[in-house]
N, C-alpha and C. Protein backbone atom coordinates (compact mmCIF):
# COMPACT_ATOMS: atom_id res chain seq x y z
N MET A 1 -9.49 -50.83 -20.14
CA MET A 1 -10.88 -50.40 -19.88
C MET A 1 -11.77 -51.30 -20.66
N THR A 2 -11.49 -51.69 -21.81
CA THR A 2 -12.36 -52.49 -22.63
C THR A 2 -12.33 -53.91 -22.06
N THR A 3 -11.19 -54.44 -21.60
CA THR A 3 -11.16 -55.75 -20.97
C THR A 3 -12.03 -55.86 -19.76
N ARG A 4 -11.88 -54.76 -18.85
CA ARG A 4 -12.81 -54.76 -17.71
C ARG A 4 -14.24 -54.67 -18.04
N TRP A 5 -14.66 -53.97 -19.05
CA TRP A 5 -15.99 -53.89 -19.50
C TRP A 5 -16.50 -55.23 -19.99
N ILE A 6 -15.70 -55.93 -20.83
CA ILE A 6 -16.05 -57.25 -21.29
C ILE A 6 -16.15 -58.25 -20.18
N LEU A 7 -15.19 -58.15 -19.19
CA LEU A 7 -15.21 -59.09 -18.09
C LEU A 7 -16.40 -58.84 -17.14
N ALA A 8 -16.75 -57.58 -16.99
CA ALA A 8 -17.66 -57.25 -15.97
C ALA A 8 -19.18 -57.42 -16.54
N LEU A 9 -19.50 -57.11 -17.63
CA LEU A 9 -20.83 -57.19 -18.18
C LEU A 9 -21.19 -58.59 -18.82
N PRO A 10 -20.72 -58.87 -20.15
CA PRO A 10 -21.08 -60.24 -20.56
C PRO A 10 -20.48 -61.39 -19.81
N GLY A 11 -19.23 -61.15 -19.28
CA GLY A 11 -18.52 -62.28 -18.52
C GLY A 11 -19.24 -62.63 -17.22
N ALA A 12 -19.67 -61.54 -16.53
CA ALA A 12 -20.43 -61.83 -15.26
C ALA A 12 -21.80 -62.33 -15.44
N LEU A 13 -22.42 -61.95 -16.57
CA LEU A 13 -23.75 -62.50 -16.91
C LEU A 13 -23.65 -63.98 -17.31
N ILE A 14 -22.73 -64.31 -18.05
CA ILE A 14 -22.48 -65.71 -18.51
C ILE A 14 -22.16 -66.55 -17.27
N ALA A 15 -21.23 -66.15 -16.47
CA ALA A 15 -20.82 -66.83 -15.33
C ALA A 15 -21.98 -67.03 -14.30
N SER A 16 -22.83 -66.00 -14.21
CA SER A 16 -23.92 -66.11 -13.16
C SER A 16 -24.98 -67.07 -13.73
N VAL A 17 -25.28 -67.03 -15.02
CA VAL A 17 -26.28 -67.91 -15.59
C VAL A 17 -25.92 -69.26 -15.54
N LEU A 18 -24.60 -69.58 -15.78
CA LEU A 18 -24.10 -70.99 -15.68
C LEU A 18 -24.07 -71.41 -14.15
N THR A 19 -23.74 -70.51 -13.33
CA THR A 19 -23.75 -70.96 -11.90
C THR A 19 -25.23 -71.23 -11.46
N MET A 20 -26.22 -70.39 -11.93
CA MET A 20 -27.64 -70.66 -11.61
C MET A 20 -28.01 -72.02 -12.18
N ALA A 21 -27.52 -72.20 -13.38
CA ALA A 21 -27.97 -73.52 -14.05
C ALA A 21 -27.43 -74.73 -13.36
N THR A 22 -26.24 -74.59 -12.77
CA THR A 22 -25.61 -75.84 -12.05
C THR A 22 -25.96 -75.92 -10.56
N MET A 23 -26.61 -75.00 -9.99
CA MET A 23 -26.94 -75.00 -8.58
C MET A 23 -27.87 -76.24 -8.29
N PRO A 24 -28.86 -76.53 -8.99
CA PRO A 24 -29.66 -77.75 -8.67
C PRO A 24 -28.88 -78.97 -8.62
N LEU A 25 -27.69 -79.11 -9.26
CA LEU A 25 -26.88 -80.30 -9.23
C LEU A 25 -26.16 -80.54 -7.84
N TRP A 26 -25.74 -79.41 -7.18
CA TRP A 26 -25.12 -79.54 -5.90
C TRP A 26 -25.86 -78.98 -4.68
N MET A 27 -26.95 -78.41 -4.86
CA MET A 27 -27.73 -77.90 -3.77
C MET A 27 -28.55 -79.11 -3.22
N PRO A 28 -28.76 -79.31 -1.87
CA PRO A 28 -29.61 -80.33 -1.39
C PRO A 28 -31.08 -80.07 -1.66
N GLN A 29 -31.82 -81.05 -1.88
CA GLN A 29 -33.23 -80.93 -2.02
C GLN A 29 -33.92 -80.68 -0.71
N GLY A 30 -35.05 -79.81 -0.82
CA GLY A 30 -35.77 -79.46 0.38
C GLY A 30 -36.81 -80.53 0.64
N GLY A 31 -37.67 -80.24 1.69
CA GLY A 31 -38.75 -81.17 1.97
C GLY A 31 -39.78 -81.25 0.92
N ALA A 32 -39.98 -80.15 0.23
CA ALA A 32 -41.05 -80.26 -0.93
C ALA A 32 -40.41 -80.67 -2.23
N GLN A 33 -39.09 -80.91 -2.22
CA GLN A 33 -38.40 -81.31 -3.48
C GLN A 33 -38.36 -80.25 -4.48
N ILE A 34 -38.59 -78.99 -4.13
CA ILE A 34 -38.42 -77.91 -5.12
C ILE A 34 -37.47 -76.82 -4.66
N ASP A 35 -36.86 -76.91 -3.53
CA ASP A 35 -35.98 -75.92 -3.08
C ASP A 35 -34.74 -75.76 -3.87
N HIS A 36 -34.26 -77.00 -4.40
CA HIS A 36 -33.03 -76.89 -5.23
C HIS A 36 -33.24 -76.35 -6.58
N ILE A 37 -34.58 -76.01 -7.00
CA ILE A 37 -34.94 -75.39 -8.24
C ILE A 37 -35.19 -74.02 -7.97
N VAL A 38 -35.92 -73.63 -6.91
CA VAL A 38 -36.37 -72.28 -6.70
C VAL A 38 -35.17 -71.37 -6.23
N MET A 39 -34.42 -71.88 -5.29
CA MET A 39 -33.30 -71.08 -4.73
C MET A 39 -32.31 -70.46 -5.78
N PRO A 40 -31.94 -71.24 -6.83
CA PRO A 40 -31.12 -70.53 -7.80
C PRO A 40 -31.76 -69.38 -8.46
N VAL A 41 -33.01 -69.51 -8.72
CA VAL A 41 -33.74 -68.38 -9.41
C VAL A 41 -33.80 -67.19 -8.46
N VAL A 42 -34.09 -67.42 -7.25
CA VAL A 42 -34.19 -66.35 -6.19
C VAL A 42 -32.83 -65.70 -5.99
N LEU A 43 -31.72 -66.47 -5.99
CA LEU A 43 -30.48 -66.07 -5.71
C LEU A 43 -29.70 -65.48 -6.86
N PHE A 44 -30.30 -65.60 -8.19
CA PHE A 44 -29.62 -65.03 -9.23
C PHE A 44 -29.11 -63.70 -9.17
N PRO A 45 -29.88 -62.73 -8.82
CA PRO A 45 -29.37 -61.29 -8.72
C PRO A 45 -28.18 -61.23 -7.81
N LEU A 46 -28.17 -61.88 -6.68
CA LEU A 46 -27.06 -61.87 -5.72
C LEU A 46 -25.78 -62.49 -6.45
N ILE A 47 -25.96 -63.54 -7.15
CA ILE A 47 -24.84 -64.19 -7.81
C ILE A 47 -24.28 -63.34 -8.80
N TRP A 48 -25.14 -62.62 -9.63
CA TRP A 48 -24.67 -61.67 -10.59
C TRP A 48 -23.92 -60.59 -10.05
N VAL A 49 -24.40 -59.97 -8.94
CA VAL A 49 -23.78 -58.84 -8.32
C VAL A 49 -22.42 -59.28 -7.81
N VAL A 50 -22.27 -60.46 -7.31
CA VAL A 50 -20.95 -60.97 -6.78
C VAL A 50 -20.01 -61.06 -7.79
N PHE A 51 -20.29 -61.65 -9.04
CA PHE A 51 -19.40 -61.71 -10.19
C PHE A 51 -19.12 -60.38 -10.76
N PHE A 52 -20.08 -59.49 -10.86
CA PHE A 52 -19.95 -58.18 -11.45
C PHE A 52 -18.93 -57.25 -10.48
N MET A 53 -19.19 -57.25 -9.22
CA MET A 53 -18.38 -56.58 -8.33
C MET A 53 -16.92 -57.11 -8.30
N TYR A 54 -16.80 -58.39 -8.36
CA TYR A 54 -15.47 -58.98 -8.42
C TYR A 54 -14.72 -58.41 -9.68
N CYS A 55 -15.37 -58.46 -10.76
CA CYS A 55 -14.73 -57.88 -12.08
C CYS A 55 -14.43 -56.45 -12.00
N CYS A 56 -15.27 -55.66 -11.31
CA CYS A 56 -15.01 -54.26 -11.25
C CYS A 56 -13.97 -53.97 -10.12
N MET A 57 -13.85 -54.72 -9.15
CA MET A 57 -12.88 -54.37 -8.05
C MET A 57 -11.51 -54.98 -8.24
N GLU A 58 -11.43 -55.99 -9.11
CA GLU A 58 -10.14 -56.78 -9.37
C GLU A 58 -9.06 -55.78 -9.90
N GLU A 59 -7.92 -55.69 -9.31
CA GLU A 59 -6.88 -54.78 -9.84
C GLU A 59 -6.11 -55.49 -10.82
N ASN A 60 -5.83 -56.87 -10.68
CA ASN A 60 -5.01 -57.55 -11.61
C ASN A 60 -5.97 -58.26 -12.71
N LEU A 61 -6.03 -57.65 -13.81
CA LEU A 61 -7.05 -58.13 -14.81
C LEU A 61 -6.71 -59.44 -15.45
N PRO A 62 -5.45 -59.83 -15.61
CA PRO A 62 -5.14 -61.19 -16.09
C PRO A 62 -5.62 -62.28 -15.12
N ARG A 63 -5.46 -61.95 -13.81
CA ARG A 63 -5.94 -62.90 -12.79
C ARG A 63 -7.40 -63.00 -12.76
N GLY A 64 -8.08 -61.81 -12.84
CA GLY A 64 -9.49 -61.77 -12.90
C GLY A 64 -10.16 -62.56 -14.11
N SER A 65 -9.37 -62.35 -15.26
CA SER A 65 -9.86 -63.05 -16.41
C SER A 65 -9.72 -64.54 -16.34
N LEU A 66 -8.68 -64.99 -15.68
CA LEU A 66 -8.47 -66.44 -15.49
C LEU A 66 -9.55 -66.97 -14.47
N VAL A 67 -9.79 -66.24 -13.47
CA VAL A 67 -10.84 -66.73 -12.48
C VAL A 67 -12.13 -66.74 -13.17
N MET A 68 -12.53 -65.85 -14.00
CA MET A 68 -13.83 -65.86 -14.66
C MET A 68 -13.84 -66.93 -15.78
N ILE A 69 -12.81 -67.18 -16.50
CA ILE A 69 -12.76 -68.21 -17.45
C ILE A 69 -12.82 -69.60 -16.77
N GLY A 70 -12.07 -69.72 -15.66
CA GLY A 70 -12.13 -70.91 -14.94
C GLY A 70 -13.46 -71.26 -14.27
N THR A 71 -14.14 -70.25 -13.84
CA THR A 71 -15.50 -70.46 -13.31
C THR A 71 -16.44 -70.84 -14.37
N ILE A 72 -16.36 -70.22 -15.60
CA ILE A 72 -17.31 -70.51 -16.65
C ILE A 72 -16.89 -72.01 -17.19
N ALA A 73 -15.65 -72.31 -17.27
CA ALA A 73 -15.37 -73.61 -17.75
C ALA A 73 -15.81 -74.65 -16.73
N PHE A 74 -15.59 -74.53 -15.44
CA PHE A 74 -15.99 -75.46 -14.49
C PHE A 74 -17.51 -75.68 -14.45
N GLN A 75 -18.25 -74.53 -14.52
CA GLN A 75 -19.75 -74.67 -14.62
C GLN A 75 -20.13 -75.39 -15.89
N SER A 76 -19.58 -75.08 -16.99
CA SER A 76 -19.90 -75.72 -18.22
C SER A 76 -19.65 -77.21 -18.13
N PHE A 77 -18.50 -77.59 -17.50
CA PHE A 77 -18.18 -78.99 -17.29
C PHE A 77 -19.19 -79.67 -16.49
N LEU A 78 -19.69 -79.05 -15.46
CA LEU A 78 -20.75 -79.66 -14.62
C LEU A 78 -22.05 -79.81 -15.32
N ILE A 79 -22.36 -78.91 -16.26
CA ILE A 79 -23.57 -79.05 -17.00
C ILE A 79 -23.41 -80.17 -18.04
N VAL A 80 -22.28 -80.32 -18.71
CA VAL A 80 -22.09 -81.36 -19.71
C VAL A 80 -22.06 -82.75 -18.99
N THR A 81 -21.44 -82.88 -17.79
CA THR A 81 -21.40 -84.10 -17.24
C THR A 81 -22.74 -84.65 -16.63
N ALA A 82 -23.68 -83.61 -16.29
CA ALA A 82 -24.94 -83.94 -15.81
C ALA A 82 -25.73 -84.57 -16.91
N PHE A 83 -25.57 -84.26 -18.18
CA PHE A 83 -26.30 -84.87 -19.30
C PHE A 83 -25.60 -86.05 -19.71
């Protein structure tokens, strides 16, 4: 129960913030050149809900932990390489 709580609350929040931070790197720019910045902010609640629900519904906690850790590591890698 504690693992699922840690995975679903702070884990989902960290993963969604990092995903939102890396979205301008891989989203195409719009006509006004601001769509790749605005869309991650608008989509943040949906991204968080996806990660949160995945953590709550996952039956295999070790696999869920590896998926979340892999997502966080990949997003962190993208941020580091962008700078």
